[in-house]
Structures are given as structure tokens and as C-alpha cells.
C-alpha atoms as a PDB file:
ATOM      1  CA  MET A   1     -14.247  29.295  37.494  1.00  0.00           C
ATOM      2  CA  SER A   2     -12.954  28.748  33.829  1.00  0.00           C
ATOM      3  CA  ARG A   3     -12.695  25.383  32.870  1.00  0.00           C
ATOM      4  CA  SER A   4      -9.153  23.733  31.763  1.00  0.00           C
ATOM      5  CA  ARG A   5      -8.830  23.663  28.099  1.00  0.00           C
ATOM      6  CA  HIS A   6      -8.653  20.349  26.457  1.00  0.00           C
ATOM      7  CA  VAL A   7      -5.298  19.430  25.239  1.00  0.00           C
ATOM      8  CA  GLY A   8      -5.106  16.931  22.320  1.00  0.00           C
ATOM      9  CA  LYS A   9      -2.686  13.507  22.723  1.00  0.00           C
ATOM     10  CA  ILE A  10      -0.231  14.495  20.258  1.00  0.00           C
ATOM     11  CA  GLN A  11      -0.384  18.397  21.326  1.00  0.00           C
ATOM     12  CA  LYS A  12       0.238  17.040  25.114  1.00  0.00           C
ATOM     13  CA  ARG A  13       3.181  14.790  24.301  1.00  0.00           C
ATOM     14  CA  LEU A  14       4.882  17.276  22.166  1.00  0.00           C
ATOM     15  CA  GLU A  15       4.756  19.800  25.208  1.00  0.00           C
ATOM     16  CA  ASP A  16       6.068  17.105  27.485  1.00  0.00           C
ATOM     17  CA  VAL A  17       9.169  16.320  25.244  1.00  0.00           C
ATOM     18  CA  LYS A  18       9.732  19.944  25.065  1.00  0.00           C
ATOM     19  CA  ASN A  19       9.579  20.824  28.988  1.00  0.00           C
ATOM     20  CA  GLN A  20      13.134  19.321  30.019  1.00  0.00           C
ATOM     21  CA  TRP A  21      11.698  18.976  33.632  1.00  0.00           C
ATOM     22  CA  ILE A  22       9.254  16.513  32.777  1.00  0.00           C
ATOM     23  CA  ARG A  23      10.359  12.521  33.092  1.00  0.00           C
ATOM     24  CA  PRO A  24       9.989  10.555  30.263  1.00  0.00           C
ATOM     25  CA  ALA A  25       6.502   8.766  30.410  1.00  0.00           C
ATOM     26  CA  ARG A  26       5.968   5.349  29.636  1.00  0.00           C
ATOM     27  CA  ALA A  27       5.114   4.854  25.885  1.00  0.00           C
ATOM     28  CA  ASP A  28       1.407   4.873  25.086  1.00  0.00           C
ATOM     29  CA  LEU A  29       0.334   3.035  22.067  1.00  0.00           C
ATOM     30  CA  SER A  30      -3.307   3.672  22.787  1.00  0.00           C
ATOM     31  CA  ASP A  31      -5.448   5.397  19.868  1.00  0.00           C
ATOM     32  CA  ASN A  32      -5.786   8.569  19.797  1.00  0.00           C
ATOM     33  CA  GLU A  33      -9.576  10.116  19.765  1.00  0.00           C
ATOM     34  CA  SER A  34      -8.789  13.652  18.914  1.00  0.00           C
ATOM     35  CA  ALA A  35      -6.999  12.641  15.944  1.00  0.00           C
ATOM     36  CA  ARG A  36      -9.717  10.402  14.604  1.00  0.00           C
ATOM     37  CA  LEU A  37     -12.358  12.889  15.041  1.00  0.00           C
ATOM     38  CA  ALA A  38     -10.537  15.854  12.898  1.00  0.00           C
ATOM     39  CA  THR A  39     -10.104  13.064  10.502  1.00  0.00           C
ATOM     40  CA  ASP A  40     -14.094  12.131  10.775  1.00  0.00           C
ATOM     41  CA  ALA A  41     -14.490  15.931  10.348  1.00  0.00           C
ATOM     42  CA  LEU A  42     -11.839  16.023   7.261  1.00  0.00           C
ATOM     43  CA  LEU A  43     -13.855  13.583   5.372  1.00  0.00           C
ATOM     44  CA  ASP A  44     -17.305  14.471   6.038  1.00  0.00           C
ATOM     45  CA  GLY A  45     -16.886  18.378   6.326  1.00  0.00           C
ATOM     46  CA  GLY A  46     -14.037  19.338   4.374  1.00  0.00           C
ATOM     47  CA  PRO A  47     -10.526  21.421   5.870  1.00  0.00           C
ATOM     48  CA  ASP A  48     -12.600  23.925   7.538  1.00  0.00           C
ATOM     49  CA  ALA A  49     -14.115  21.255   9.847  1.00  0.00           C
ATOM     50  CA  TYR A  50     -11.180  19.507  10.304  1.00  0.00           C
ATOM     51  CA  ARG A  51      -9.592  23.016  11.554  1.00  0.00           C
ATOM     52  CA  ARG A  52     -12.594  23.232  14.032  1.00  0.00           C
ATOM     53  CA  ALA A  53     -12.498  19.713  15.070  1.00  0.00           C
ATOM     54  CA  LEU A  54      -8.774  20.360  15.561  1.00  0.00           C
ATOM     55  CA  SER A  55      -9.135  23.743  17.667  1.00  0.00           C
ATOM     56  CA  ARG A  56     -12.667  21.627  19.826  1.00  0.00           C
ATOM     57  CA  GLU A  57     -10.149  19.027  20.715  1.00  0.00           C
ATOM     58  CA  GLY A  58      -6.715  21.248  21.430  1.00  0.00           C
ATOM     59  CA  GLU A  59      -4.930  19.132  18.894  1.00  0.00           C
ATOM     60  CA  ILE A  60      -2.224  19.820  16.374  1.00  0.00           C
ATOM     61  CA  ASP A  61      -2.523  19.653  12.828  1.00  0.00           C
ATOM     62  CA  PHE A  62      -0.864  15.982  12.175  1.00  0.00           C
ATOM     63  CA  LEU A  63      -1.194  15.955   8.571  1.00  0.00           C
ATOM     64  CA  SER A  64       0.890  17.213   6.026  1.00  0.00           C
ATOM     65  CA  SER A  65      -0.965  18.680   2.670  1.00  0.00           C
ATOM     66  CA  GLU A  66      -0.397  16.103   0.738  1.00  0.00           C
ATOM     67  CA  GLU A  67      -1.897  13.890   3.487  1.00  0.00           C
ATOM     68  CA  THR A  68      -5.126  16.230   3.484  1.00  0.00           C
ATOM     69  CA  GLN A  69      -5.263  16.551  -0.425  1.00  0.00           C
ATOM     70  CA  TYR A  70      -5.294  12.811  -0.593  1.00  0.00           C
ATOM     71  CA  ILE A  71      -8.016  12.371   1.773  1.00  0.00           C
ATOM     72  CA  GLN A  72     -10.362  14.699   0.380  1.00  0.00           C
ATOM     73  CA  ALA A  73      -9.449  13.772  -3.356  1.00  0.00           C
ATOM     74  CA  HIS A  74      -9.943   9.622  -2.215  1.00  0.00           C
ATOM     75  CA  ALA A  75     -13.301   9.849  -0.120  1.00  0.00           C
ATOM     76  CA  LYS A  76     -15.897   7.543  -1.184  1.00  0.00           C
ATOM     77  CA  GLU A  77     -19.445   8.027  -0.096  1.00  0.00           C
ATOM     78  CA  PRO A  78     -20.943   4.861   1.739  1.00  0.00           C
ATOM     79  CA  PRO A  79     -22.916   2.240  -0.537  1.00  0.00           C
ATOM     80  CA  SER A  80     -26.875   3.586  -0.667  1.00  0.00           C
ATOM     81  CA  ILE A  81     -29.656   1.344   0.410  1.00  0.00           C
ATOM     82  CA  PRO A  82     -31.909  -0.551  -2.351  1.00  0.00           C
ATOM     83  CA  ASP A  83     -34.730   1.219  -3.471  1.00  0.00           C
ATOM     84  CA  PRO A  84     -37.742  -0.529  -1.630  1.00  0.00           C
ATOM     85  CA  SER A  85     -39.446  -0.396  -4.844  1.00  0.00           C
ATOM     86  CA  GLY A  86     -37.355  -2.977  -6.329  1.00  0.00           C
ATOM     87  CA  GLY A  87     -36.473  -0.505  -9.356  1.00  0.00           C
ATOM     88  CA  ALA A  88     -32.986  -1.696 -11.076  1.00  0.00           C
ATOM     89  CA  GLU A  89     -31.567   1.778 -10.592  1.00  0.00           C
ATOM     90  CA  GLY A  90     -32.098   1.533  -7.041  1.00  0.00           C
ATOM     91  CA  ALA A  91     -30.523  -1.444  -6.980  1.00  0.00           C
ATOM     92  CA  SER A  92     -27.869  -0.916  -8.653  1.00  0.00           C
ATOM     93  CA  ARG A  93     -26.594   2.487  -7.431  1.00  0.00           C
ATOM     94  CA  GLY A  94     -23.447   2.601  -5.550  1.00  0.00           C
ATOM     95  CA  LEU A  95     -22.017  -1.185  -6.996  1.00  0.00           C
ATOM     96  CA  ASP A  96     -19.177   0.428  -8.748  1.00  0.00           C
ATOM     97  CA  SER A  97     -15.311   0.047  -8.974  1.00  0.00           C
ATOM     98  CA  SER A  98     -14.846   1.060  -5.398  1.00  0.00           C
ATOM     99  CA  SER A  99     -16.919  -1.754  -4.239  1.00  0.00           C
ATOM    100  CA  LEU A 100     -14.717  -4.474  -5.500  1.00  0.00           C
ATOM    101  CA  GLN A 101     -12.173  -6.809  -2.993  1.00  0.00           C
ATOM    102  CA  SER A 102      -9.013  -5.285  -3.327  1.00  0.00           C
ATOM    103  CA  GLY A 103      -6.456  -8.374  -4.879  1.00  0.00           C
ATOM    104  CA  THR A 104      -8.217  -8.499  -8.344  1.00  0.00           C
ATOM    105  CA  TYR A 105      -6.048  -9.638 -10.976  1.00  0.00           C
ATOM    106  CA  PHE A 106      -4.765  -7.482 -13.179  1.00  0.00           C
ATOM    107  CA  PRO A 107      -5.820  -6.599 -15.916  1.00  0.00           C
ATOM    108  CA  MET A 108      -9.478  -7.499 -15.199  1.00  0.00           C
ATOM    109  CA  ALA A 109     -11.759  -8.471 -12.296  1.00  0.00           C
ATOM    110  CA  SER A 110     -10.963 -12.370 -11.999  1.00  0.00           C
ATOM    111  CA  GLU A 111     -13.018 -15.629 -10.618  1.00  0.00           C
ATOM    112  CA  SER A 112     -13.136 -15.389  -7.193  1.00  0.00           C
ATOM    113  CA  ILE A 113     -10.774 -18.340  -6.570  1.00  0.00           C
ATOM    114  CA  GLU A 114      -7.198 -17.615  -6.272  1.00  0.00           C
ATOM    115  CA  PRO A 115      -4.828 -20.290  -8.395  1.00  0.00           C
ATOM    116  CA  ALA A 116      -2.953 -22.491  -6.671  1.00  0.00           C
ATOM    117  CA  LEU A 117       0.864 -22.134  -6.548  1.00  0.00           C
ATOM    118  CA  LEU A 118       3.018 -23.394  -9.287  1.00  0.00           C
ATOM    119  CA  HIS A 119       5.331 -25.033  -6.369  1.00  0.00           C
ATOM    120  CA  ASN A 120       4.241 -26.146  -2.937  1.00  0.00           C
ATOM    121  CA  TRP A 121       6.324 -24.166  -0.949  1.00  0.00           C
ATOM    122  CA  THR A 122       4.837 -25.263   2.612  1.00  0.00           C
ATOM    123  CA  TRP A 123       6.206 -28.418   2.358  1.00  0.00           C
ATOM    124  CA  ALA A 124       9.694 -27.800   0.048  1.00  0.00           C
ATOM    125  CA  GLU A 125      12.922 -28.210   1.860  1.00  0.00           C
ATOM    126  CA  LYS A 126      13.696 -25.255   3.408  1.00  0.00           C
ATOM    127  CA  PRO A 127      17.714 -25.187   3.581  1.00  0.00           C
ATOM    128  CA  TYR A 128      17.761 -21.194   3.811  1.00  0.00           C
ATOM    129  CA  LEU A 129      16.714 -21.357   7.069  1.00  0.00           C
ATOM    130  CA  LYS A 130      19.579 -22.885   8.216  1.00  0.00           C
ATOM    131  CA  GLU A 131      21.653 -20.435   6.791  1.00  0.00           C
ATOM    132  CA  LYS A 132      23.249 -17.317   8.770  1.00  0.00           C
ATOM    133  CA  SER A 133      21.579 -14.358   8.311  1.00  0.00           C
ATOM    134  CA  SER A 134      23.257 -11.220   7.413  1.00  0.00           C
ATOM    135  CA  ALA A 135      22.206  -7.120   5.879  1.00  0.00           C
ATOM    136  CA  THR A 136      24.034  -4.941   3.489  1.00  0.00           C
ATOM    137  CA  VAL A 137      23.260  -1.600   3.346  1.00  0.00           C
ATOM    138  CA  TYR A 138      23.978   0.771  -0.150  1.00  0.00           C
ATOM    139  CA  PHE A 139      23.619   4.310  -1.158  1.00  0.00           C
ATOM    140  CA  GLN A 140      22.343   5.917  -4.008  1.00  0.00           C
ATOM    141  CA  ARG A 141      26.131   7.424  -4.591  1.00  0.00           C
ATOM    142  CA  ASP A 142      27.993   4.291  -4.494  1.00  0.00           C
ATOM    143  CA  LYS A 143      28.674   4.048  -7.836  1.00  0.00           C
ATOM    144  CA  HIS A 144      30.261   0.424  -7.824  1.00  0.00           C
ATOM    145  CA  ASN A 145      27.013  -0.266  -6.319  1.00  0.00           C
ATOM    146  CA  ASN A 146      23.898   0.984  -8.566  1.00  0.00           C
ATOM    147  CA  ILE A 147      20.616   0.447  -7.128  1.00  0.00           C
ATOM    148  CA  ARG A 148      19.093  -0.201  -9.861  1.00  0.00           C
ATOM    149  CA  ASP A 149      21.561  -2.801 -11.165  1.00  0.00           C
ATOM    150  CA  LEU A 150      21.178  -4.368  -7.955  1.00  0.00           C
ATOM    151  CA  VAL A 151      17.208  -5.120  -8.434  1.00  0.00           C
ATOM    152  CA  ARG A 152      18.585  -6.633 -11.874  1.00  0.00           C
ATOM    153  CA  ARG A 153      20.772  -8.775 -10.934  1.00  0.00           C
ATOM    154  CA  CYS A 154      18.807 -10.068  -8.058  1.00  0.00           C
ATOM    155  CA  ILE A 155      16.069 -10.651 -10.623  1.00  0.00           C
ATOM    156  CA  SER A 156      18.525 -12.571 -13.088  1.00  0.00           C
ATOM    157  CA  ARG A 157      19.821 -14.918 -10.385  1.00  0.00           C
ATOM    158  CA  ALA A 158      16.495 -15.970  -9.573  1.00  0.00           C
ATOM    159  CA  SER A 159      15.975 -19.962 -10.346  1.00  0.00           C
ATOM    160  CA  GLN A 160      12.591 -20.462  -7.791  1.00  0.00           C
ATOM    161  CA  VAL A 161      10.459 -17.855  -7.037  1.00  0.00           C
ATOM    162  CA  LEU A 162      10.092 -13.673  -6.953  1.00  0.00           C
ATOM    163  CA  VAL A 163       7.973 -11.822  -5.232  1.00  0.00           C
ATOM    164  CA  ILE A 164       7.782  -8.314  -5.962  1.00  0.00           C
ATOM    165  CA  LEU A 165       5.767  -5.319  -4.313  1.00  0.00           C
ATOM    166  CA  MET A 166       5.996  -2.279  -6.215  1.00  0.00           C
ATOM    167  CA  ASP A 167       3.701   1.017  -5.469  1.00  0.00           C
ATOM    168  CA  VAL A 168       4.710   2.461  -9.212  1.00  0.00           C
ATOM    169  CA  PHE A 169       6.338  -0.038 -11.706  1.00  0.00           C
ATOM    170  CA  THR A 170       7.028   1.353 -15.129  1.00  0.00           C
ATOM    171  CA  ASP A 171      10.486   0.236 -15.837  1.00  0.00           C
ATOM    172  CA  VAL A 172      10.331  -1.822 -18.705  1.00  0.00           C
ATOM    173  CA  GLU A 173      13.693  -3.211 -18.781  1.00  0.00           C
ATOM    174  CA  ILE A 174      12.861  -4.597 -15.347  1.00  0.00           C
ATOM    175  CA  PHE A 175       9.767  -5.741 -16.377  1.00  0.00           C
ATOM    176  CA  CYS A 176      11.874  -7.722 -19.438  1.00  0.00           C
ATOM    177  CA  ASP A 177      13.840  -9.263 -16.752  1.00  0.00           C
ATOM    178  CA  ILE A 178      10.822 -10.576 -14.987  1.00  0.00           C
ATOM    179  CA  LEU A 179       9.472 -12.049 -18.082  1.00  0.00           C
ATOM    180  CA  GLU A 180      12.692 -13.659 -19.256  1.00  0.00           C
ATOM    181  CA  ALA A 181      12.925 -15.248 -15.555  1.00  0.00           C
ATOM    182  CA  ALA A 182       9.703 -16.429 -15.756  1.00  0.00           C
ATOM    183  CA  ASN A 183       9.506 -17.575 -19.663  1.00  0.00           C
ATOM    184  CA  LYS A 184      12.910 -18.763 -19.929  1.00  0.00           C
ATOM    185  CA  ARG A 185      14.075 -20.004 -16.723  1.00  0.00           C
ATOM    186  CA  GLY A 186      10.715 -21.124 -15.060  1.00  0.00           C
ATOM    187  CA  VAL A 187      10.671 -18.807 -12.254  1.00  0.00           C
ATOM    188  CA  PHE A 188       7.416 -18.170 -10.582  1.00  0.00           C
ATOM    189  CA  ILE A 189       6.660 -15.024 -10.259  1.00  0.00           C
ATOM    190  CA  CYS A 190       4.472 -12.975  -7.972  1.00  0.00           C
ATOM    191  CA  VAL A 191       4.070  -9.071  -8.761  1.00  0.00           C
ATOM    192  CA  LEU A 192       1.776  -7.181  -6.087  1.00  0.00           C
ATOM    193  CA  LEU A 193       0.828  -3.711  -7.421  1.00  0.00           C
ATOM    194  CA  ASP A 194      -0.595  -0.693  -5.216  1.00  0.00           C
ATOM    195  CA  GLN A 195      -4.200  -0.477  -6.439  1.00  0.00           C
ATOM    196  CA  GLY A 196      -3.288   3.105  -7.923  1.00  0.00           C
ATOM    197  CA  GLY A 197      -0.302   2.123  -9.747  1.00  0.00           C
ATOM    198  CA  VAL A 198      -2.351  -0.648 -11.727  1.00  0.00           C
ATOM    199  CA  LYS A 199      -2.994   1.755 -14.500  1.00  0.00           C
ATOM    200  CA  PRO A 200       0.273   2.996 -14.960  1.00  0.00           C
ATOM    201  CA  PHE A 201       1.652  -0.562 -15.278  1.00  0.00           C
ATOM    202  CA  GLN A 202      -1.326  -1.375 -17.826  1.00  0.00           C
ATOM    203  CA  GLU A 203       0.101   1.558 -20.005  1.00  0.00           C
ATOM    204  CA  MET A 204       3.725   0.328 -19.976  1.00  0.00           C
ATOM    205  CA  CYS A 205       2.238  -3.488 -20.897  1.00  0.00           C
ATOM    206  CA  ASP A 206       0.161  -1.563 -23.710  1.00  0.00           C
ATOM    207  CA  LYS A 207       3.070   0.201 -24.956  1.00  0.00           C
ATOM    208  CA  ALA A 208       5.140  -2.974 -24.935  1.00  0.00           C
ATOM    209  CA  GLN A 209       2.037  -4.906 -26.685  1.00  0.00           C
ATOM    210  CA  ILE A 210       2.179  -7.665 -23.672  1.00  0.00           C
ATOM    211  CA  CYS A 211      -0.511 -10.044 -23.795  1.00  0.00           C
ATOM    212  CA  ASP A 212      -1.549 -12.864 -21.632  1.00  0.00           C
ATOM    213  CA  THR A 213       0.230 -15.543 -23.437  1.00  0.00           C
ATOM    214  CA  HIS A 214       3.732 -13.360 -22.073  1.00  0.00           C
ATOM    215  CA  LEU A 215       2.732 -13.839 -18.882  1.00  0.00           C
ATOM    216  CA  LYS A 216       3.290 -17.410 -18.141  1.00  0.00           C
ATOM    217  CA  ASN A 217       4.438 -18.468 -14.140  1.00  0.00           C
ATOM    218  CA  ILE A 218       3.453 -14.803 -13.465  1.00  0.00           C
ATOM    219  CA  SER A 219       1.092 -14.130 -10.975  1.00  0.00           C
ATOM    220  CA  ILE A 220       0.107 -10.210 -10.966  1.00  0.00           C
ATOM    221  CA  ARG A 221      -2.260  -8.534  -8.610  1.00  0.00           C
ATOM    222  CA  SER A 222      -3.463  -5.295  -7.234  1.00  0.00           C
ATOM    223  CA  VAL A 223      -3.520  -4.233  -3.097  1.00  0.00           C
ATOM    224  CA  GLU A 224      -4.847  -1.571  -1.099  1.00  0.00           C
ATOM    225  CA  GLY A 225      -3.790  -0.102   1.647  1.00  0.00           C
ATOM    226  CA  LYS A 226      -5.776   0.191   4.961  1.00  0.00           C
ATOM    227  CA  VAL A 227      -9.273   1.487   4.736  1.00  0.00           C
ATOM    228  CA  TYR A 228     -10.207   4.202   7.063  1.00  0.00           C
ATOM    229  CA  ARG A 229     -14.062   4.642   7.238  1.00  0.00           C
ATOM    230  CA  ALA A 230     -15.525   7.807   9.664  1.00  0.00           C
ATOM    231  CA  LYS A 231     -18.789   7.087  11.772  1.00  0.00           C
ATOM    232  CA  SER A 232     -20.762   8.530   8.787  1.00  0.00           C
ATOM    233  CA  GLY A 233     -20.055   5.695   6.734  1.00  0.00           C
ATOM    234  CA  ARG A 234     -17.509   7.807   4.543  1.00  0.00           C
ATOM    235  CA  LYS A 235     -13.855   6.124   3.767  1.00  0.00           C
ATOM    236  CA  PHE A 236     -10.764   6.289   2.161  1.00  0.00           C
ATOM    237  CA  VAL A 237      -8.088   3.778   1.007  1.00  0.00           C
ATOM    238  CA  GLY A 238      -4.279   4.355   2.081  1.00  0.00           C
ATOM    239  CA  GLN A 239      -1.490   3.794  -0.190  1.00  0.00           C
ATOM    240  CA  ILE A 240       0.771   1.009  -0.528  1.00  0.00           C
ATOM    241  CA  GLN A 241       4.274   3.224  -0.649  1.00  0.00           C
ATOM    242  CA  GLU A 242       6.874   0.098  -0.558  1.00  0.00           C
ATOM    243  CA  LYS A 243       9.043  -1.297  -2.683  1.00  0.00           C
ATOM    244  CA  PHE A 244      10.726  -5.048  -2.093  1.00  0.00           C
ATOM    245  CA  ILE A 245      12.009  -8.271  -3.751  1.00  0.00           C
ATOM    246  CA  ILE A 246      11.982 -11.739  -2.282  1.00  0.00           C
ATOM    247  CA  SER A 247      14.506 -13.866  -4.627  1.00  0.00           C
ATOM    248  CA  ASP A 248      14.283 -17.750  -3.954  1.00  0.00           C
ATOM    249  CA  TRP A 249      13.313 -17.390   0.058  1.00  0.00           C
ATOM    250  CA  ARG A 250      16.689 -16.297   0.503  1.00  0.00           C
ATOM    251  CA  VAL A 251      18.081 -12.710  -0.567  1.00  0.00           C
ATOM    252  CA  VAL A 252      15.750  -9.706   0.028  1.00  0.00           C
ATOM    253  CA  LEU A 253      15.882  -6.251  -1.528  1.00  0.00           C
ATOM    254  CA  SER A 254      14.193  -3.234   0.215  1.00  0.00           C
ATOM    255  CA  GLY A 255      14.236   0.348  -0.646  1.00  0.00           C
ATOM    256  CA  SER A 256      13.831   2.735  -3.585  1.00  0.00           C
ATOM    257  CA  TYR A 257      16.238   4.308  -6.017  1.00  0.00           C
ATOM    258  CA  ARG A 258      15.801   7.426  -8.424  1.00  0.00           C
END
């Protein structure tokens, strides 16, 4: 008597939603063990091991080719154990840039203590909490509301604080708007960059000959995506692929433009 073939969680869900006779099930938000095993196999053994794990688990190929390439390209080995003999070479092995914590200051790793905000927003009066909320959707094809112009207008109207998250920030003109807000109007600005976007941002600053004195009232930090770690210890770090601006805690812009 043959054993029934194991079916992965995503594969089973696909089969159920395609079958009109099966009643809708309650949302299952539990972890997908088959997907975890396949991802571990990709990290440890490459694409062939990934495909074998999918076949063994009866799971569908749930990663795009771009995601598979990203995981392989950014896989990191676990930290090596220091040499018991106490050799300097063994002790220093494995301490590279990947061991640094996320959230380091641009352009180099800084002191461990974060600077205090220039304004104590915790105790400040918050009239915006009493205001009525509203949302507006803009499309890139709207000629009267160019999205890039909306971003620049939002920055130019800020009077107290700007929080900006960017996956990639290389727009010199928008950076000039930020510098003007910080240096001319005294706006406190916090810029968060994806770890992978630090280098192109630094190149932009180098071309514009930006130095520390130009970054008054500006805190620029890097952040990383979620870390996935296999049981073997190999890991990769995800990406921040978002853009948003918070202006004076009243206005939020989120989206993208080309």
C-alpha cells in the first residue's frame, strides 16, 4: 500500500482555491515549515538543493528568480569560532562589515549612544491628534499633481520635523530641499536608508561635495530588513523597499515615482 504524497502548505492552498467545491477555510497564519526547509536548502546548497527540497516537501516554487538570486548573492557564513590557541588571526576571523549592527551612522560607524532629538516630541503639544484624518491618492499620469513635485512641496512646507525613509536616495534636487529645510529653516530631519542604498547615497554626497557642516539638524542612518537565519547558521538580510515622508507629524506621503 503506497503512502499518500506530502503536499506543501502553499500547494495545498492553491489546490483548494482552484476547486470550486471546497468551502473557504479559516485563514491559516501559522509558519510554513516546508517553505522554511526549502529556503534553508537554498542557503546551504544552492538552487539544486532548493528544488530537491520543494519536491520532497510537495511544495510549489514560491520564490521568484530575482528573490532566489538575491538570497544566493547575499548569503553570509556564520561567525567563525575563535582559535583556542589564542592566535590573533583566529580571533579576528569573521569580524567583517556584516557583523556590524544595523542603524549605523552615515557615512561611518559611530558611537554606540544615539544622539538625543533636538526637540522633545514626547512632551510637546500634539494638536494634530485632534484633527480629522483624510487620505488622497495621486497617480503618476495626473499632470496637475506630479508626484515628485508633491514630495518637494511637502519638504518645503515642513516647519518642525521631517522623517524620510528611502530604499535608494540619489535625487540631488530633493536632497537640496532637505538641506535647505535643515540649514535655513531649522527643521530637524531624520533620513533612514536601506543598507544597500548607503553607497549610492554617499556617491551623491561626494559629487555634491557635502561635508559634516552641511548636515546640521540632519540625522542619517541605515537600516536593514529582516534577518533570515538557517539552522546551519548561514543567513541573509532582506531589503527595505519602501518610500515615505512624515512632515510635522501631520502629513504622510507614501509611494513611488519614476
